[in-house]
Amino acid sequence: MTKNLEEMSQADLIMEYFKKNSKREIKHPEIVDWAVAEWKKRTGEVFRDPDRAIRKLSQGGQLIKISKGIYKYDPDFVKNRELEDFTSSQKEEIFKRDNYKCVICGRGRADGVEIQADHIKPKELGGKAEIENGQTLCAQHNFQKKSYKQTETGKRMFIRLYELAKKNNDKELMKFCEDILKVYEKDNINGHIIWKK
């Protein structure tokens, strides 16, 4: 069995379980234990990385991540999610509106940089395939947005901490938060999250 076929088959096995338990929130250990045992029974081989397979299915929009370690399959969600990809004409309209340049760094096609149509509110969070919810990002900034959600969490945390320190007139903590938030701004990380000084 080739590796690609094995990965596909393992994903199919996991989806088989979720489809049998459609719309039920399933905790990680339940699906992992079942998939490992079932894979061994069917193939005689060890299911090496069920965690990775579950993550890929979730990232691909086949499963809904309810919270850490809890997933659900909902056929209506999968069907609707497929409808939320931008069409070619929508992408072109977004690119044209943004002058074929990344809204974060300003680089674009004229600079030889690949641009992509990005959902401002992600599809996973209910973002629609509407022009207003689209923005042009270079490949680098689109990757950062998708892969480094923790930076958004961090920036929001420091903004909240700054506001709390301001409310309590804690100048030392305000300065600390300001210094960190200035680094976000200097490096243009999560520029879509506005820090009101």
Protein backbone atom coordinates (compact mmCIF):
# COMPACT_ATOMS: atom_id res chain seq x y z
CA MET A 1 0.00 0.00 0.00
CA THR A 2 1.48 3.38 -0.97
CA LYS A 3 1.68 6.12 1.61
CA ASN A 4 -0.84 8.37 -0.20
CA LEU A 5 -3.34 5.55 -0.55
CA GLU A 6 -2.80 4.62 3.11
CA GLU A 7 -3.43 8.21 4.27
CA MET A 8 -6.53 8.45 2.11
CA SER A 9 -7.84 5.13 3.41
CA GLN A 10 -7.20 6.15 7.00
CA ALA A 11 -9.06 9.42 6.44
CA ASP A 12 -11.92 7.46 4.87
CA LEU A 13 -12.00 5.17 7.91
CA ILE A 14 -12.21 8.13 10.30
CA MET A 15 -14.96 9.71 8.19
CA GLU A 16 -16.84 6.40 8.21
CA TYR A 17 -17.09 6.62 12.01
CA PHE A 18 -18.08 10.29 12.02
CA LYS A 19 -20.73 9.70 9.34
CA LYS A 20 -22.22 6.84 11.38
CA ASN A 21 -22.35 9.28 14.30
CA SER A 22 -23.46 12.30 12.28
CA LYS A 23 -24.04 15.54 14.22
CA ARG A 24 -22.73 14.00 17.46
CA GLU A 25 -19.84 15.71 19.24
CA ILE A 26 -17.11 13.08 19.58
CA LYS A 27 -14.20 13.33 21.98
CA HIS A 28 -10.74 12.69 20.61
CA PRO A 29 -9.98 9.46 22.55
CA GLU A 30 -13.18 7.80 21.33
CA ILE A 31 -12.42 8.26 17.64
CA VAL A 32 -8.68 7.54 18.02
CA ASP A 33 -9.28 4.29 19.94
CA TRP A 34 -11.87 3.12 17.41
CA ALA A 35 -9.79 4.08 14.35
CA VAL A 36 -6.60 2.41 15.66
CA ALA A 37 -8.42 -0.83 16.54
CA GLU A 38 -10.47 -0.87 13.31
CA TRP A 39 -7.44 -0.16 11.10
CA LYS A 40 -5.54 -3.03 12.78
CA LYS A 41 -8.52 -5.34 12.31
CA ARG A 42 -9.00 -4.47 8.63
CA THR A 43 -5.38 -4.20 7.47
CA GLY A 44 -3.26 -5.91 10.13
CA GLU A 45 -1.18 -2.72 10.24
CA VAL A 46 -0.66 0.03 12.79
CA PHE A 47 -2.51 3.34 12.31
CA ARG A 48 0.51 5.58 12.85
CA ASP A 49 -0.92 9.09 13.29
CA PRO A 50 -4.69 9.30 13.76
CA ASP A 51 -4.32 12.77 15.34
CA ARG A 52 -2.84 14.15 12.14
CA ALA A 53 -5.57 12.56 10.01
CA ILE A 54 -8.30 14.09 12.20
CA ARG A 55 -6.63 17.52 12.09
CA LYS A 56 -6.37 17.37 8.28
CA LEU A 57 -10.05 16.46 7.98
CA SER A 58 -10.95 19.39 10.22
CA GLN A 59 -8.68 21.82 8.34
CA GLY A 60 -10.14 20.56 5.07
CA GLY A 61 -13.65 21.37 6.25
CA GLN A 62 -14.89 17.78 6.56
CA LEU A 63 -15.16 17.95 10.35
CA ILE A 64 -16.14 20.78 12.68
CA LYS A 65 -13.79 21.39 15.59
CA ILE A 66 -16.12 22.12 18.51
CA SER A 67 -13.35 22.70 21.05
CA LYS A 68 -9.96 21.22 21.85
CA GLY A 69 -10.19 17.47 21.22
CA ILE A 70 -13.89 17.45 20.26
CA TYR A 71 -15.05 17.13 16.65
CA LYS A 72 -18.35 16.71 14.83
CA TYR A 73 -19.45 15.75 11.34
CA ASP A 74 -22.44 17.65 9.96
CA PRO A 75 -23.29 16.98 6.30
CA ASP A 76 -25.12 20.33 6.07
CA PHE A 77 -21.99 22.19 7.22
CA VAL A 78 -19.83 20.39 4.65
CA LYS A 79 -22.31 21.14 1.86
CA ASN A 80 -22.64 24.82 2.84
CA ARG A 81 -18.90 25.21 3.33
CA GLU A 82 -18.27 24.15 -0.26
CA LEU A 83 -20.54 26.99 -1.35
CA GLU A 84 -18.38 29.51 0.50
CA ASP A 85 -15.35 29.39 -1.81
CA PHE A 86 -14.84 32.49 -3.94
CA THR A 87 -15.63 32.01 -7.61
CA SER A 88 -13.03 33.01 -10.21
CA SER A 89 -14.98 36.17 -11.03
CA GLN A 90 -15.26 37.10 -7.32
CA LYS A 91 -11.52 36.64 -6.89
CA GLU A 92 -10.84 38.88 -9.87
CA GLU A 93 -13.21 41.54 -8.48
CA ILE A 94 -11.44 41.43 -5.09
CA PHE A 95 -8.01 41.67 -6.74
CA LYS A 96 -9.14 44.58 -8.93
CA ARG A 97 -10.64 46.46 -5.96
CA ASP A 98 -7.36 46.02 -4.03
CA ASN A 99 -5.24 47.05 -7.06
CA TYR A 100 -3.78 43.53 -7.34
CA LYS A 101 -1.76 44.15 -4.15
CA CYS A 102 -1.61 42.58 -0.71
CA VAL A 103 -3.59 44.78 1.69
CA ILE A 104 -0.95 44.15 4.39
CA CYS A 105 2.40 44.70 2.66
CA GLY A 106 1.42 46.37 -0.62
CA ARG A 107 3.30 43.86 -2.80
CA GLY A 108 1.52 42.28 -5.71
CA ARG A 109 1.59 40.93 -9.24
CA ALA A 110 3.64 43.87 -10.54
CA ASP A 111 6.35 42.85 -8.03
CA GLY A 112 6.21 39.21 -9.16
CA VAL A 113 4.42 38.20 -5.95
CA GLU A 114 1.62 35.62 -5.90
CA ILE A 115 -1.65 37.07 -4.60
CA GLN A 116 -4.60 35.18 -3.15
CA ALA A 117 -8.22 36.00 -2.32
CA ASP A 118 -8.64 35.59 1.44
CA HIS A 119 -11.79 35.40 3.57
CA ILE A 120 -11.52 38.20 6.16
CA LYS A 121 -13.85 36.22 8.42
CA PRO A 122 -12.68 32.63 7.83
CA LYS A 123 -15.01 30.05 6.31
CA GLU A 124 -14.50 27.90 9.41
CA LEU A 125 -16.10 30.68 11.47
CA GLY A 126 -19.00 31.19 9.09
CA GLY A 127 -17.35 33.67 6.72
CA LYS A 128 -19.30 34.05 3.49
CA ALA A 129 -18.00 34.09 -0.08
CA GLU A 130 -18.97 37.72 -0.55
CA ILE A 131 -16.84 40.49 -2.03
CA GLU A 132 -17.11 42.48 1.22
CA ASN A 133 -15.62 39.51 3.10
CA GLY A 134 -12.71 39.22 0.68
CA GLN A 135 -9.28 40.79 0.69
CA THR A 136 -6.14 40.39 -1.37
CA LEU A 137 -3.18 38.90 0.46
CA CYS A 138 0.22 37.86 -0.81
CA ALA A 139 0.95 34.16 -0.36
CA GLN A 140 3.22 34.90 2.61
CA HIS A 141 0.65 36.93 4.57
CA ASN A 142 -2.16 34.51 3.72
CA PHE A 143 -0.02 31.66 5.08
CA GLN A 144 0.73 33.64 8.23
CA LYS A 145 -2.95 34.41 8.76
CA LYS A 146 -3.97 30.78 8.39
CA SER A 147 -1.06 29.21 10.24
CA TYR A 148 -0.45 31.57 13.11
CA LYS A 149 -3.83 32.18 14.72
CA GLN A 150 -2.05 32.27 18.07
CA THR A 151 -0.59 35.67 17.14
CA GLU A 152 -4.14 37.03 16.87
CA THR A 153 -4.94 35.60 20.28
CA GLY A 154 -1.77 37.16 21.68
CA LYS A 155 -2.45 40.59 20.22
CA ARG A 156 -6.02 40.61 21.51
CA MET A 157 -4.82 39.54 24.95
CA PHE A 158 -2.30 42.43 25.13
CA ILE A 159 -4.94 44.90 23.91
CA ARG A 160 -7.31 43.74 26.69
CA LEU A 161 -4.49 43.87 29.23
CA TYR A 162 -3.57 47.38 28.04
CA GLU A 163 -7.20 48.54 28.42
CA LEU A 164 -7.39 47.07 31.92
CA ALA A 165 -4.09 48.71 32.92
CA LYS A 166 -5.32 52.03 31.49
CA LYS A 167 -8.56 51.73 33.48
CA ASN A 168 -6.55 51.06 36.66
CA ASN A 169 -3.98 53.76 35.79
CA ASP A 170 -1.19 51.16 35.96
CA LYS A 171 1.44 53.04 33.92
CA GLU A 172 4.07 50.31 34.23
CA LEU A 173 1.79 47.61 32.80
CA MET A 174 0.52 50.05 30.13
CA LYS A 175 4.11 50.67 28.99
CA PHE A 176 4.82 46.92 28.90
CA CYS A 177 1.74 46.29 26.72
CA GLU A 178 2.53 49.30 24.51
CA ASP A 179 6.03 47.97 23.86
CA ILE A 180 4.70 44.57 22.81
CA LEU A 181 1.88 46.02 20.68
CA LYS A 182 4.38 48.31 18.93
CA VAL A 183 6.32 45.19 17.87
CA TYR A 184 3.12 43.80 16.31
CA GLU A 185 2.72 47.07 14.41
CA LYS A 186 6.39 47.38 13.43
CA ASP A 187 6.42 43.86 11.96
CA ASN A 188 2.90 44.26 10.55
CA ILE A 189 1.56 41.19 12.32
CA ASN A 190 -2.25 40.99 12.54
CA GLY A 191 -2.73 44.51 11.20
CA HIS A 192 -6.46 43.76 10.81
CA ILE A 193 -6.78 43.85 14.62
CA ILE A 194 -6.87 47.54 15.51
CA TRP A 195 -5.22 48.76 18.68
CA LYS A 196 -6.74 52.07 19.78
CA LYS A 197 -4.10 53.85 21.86
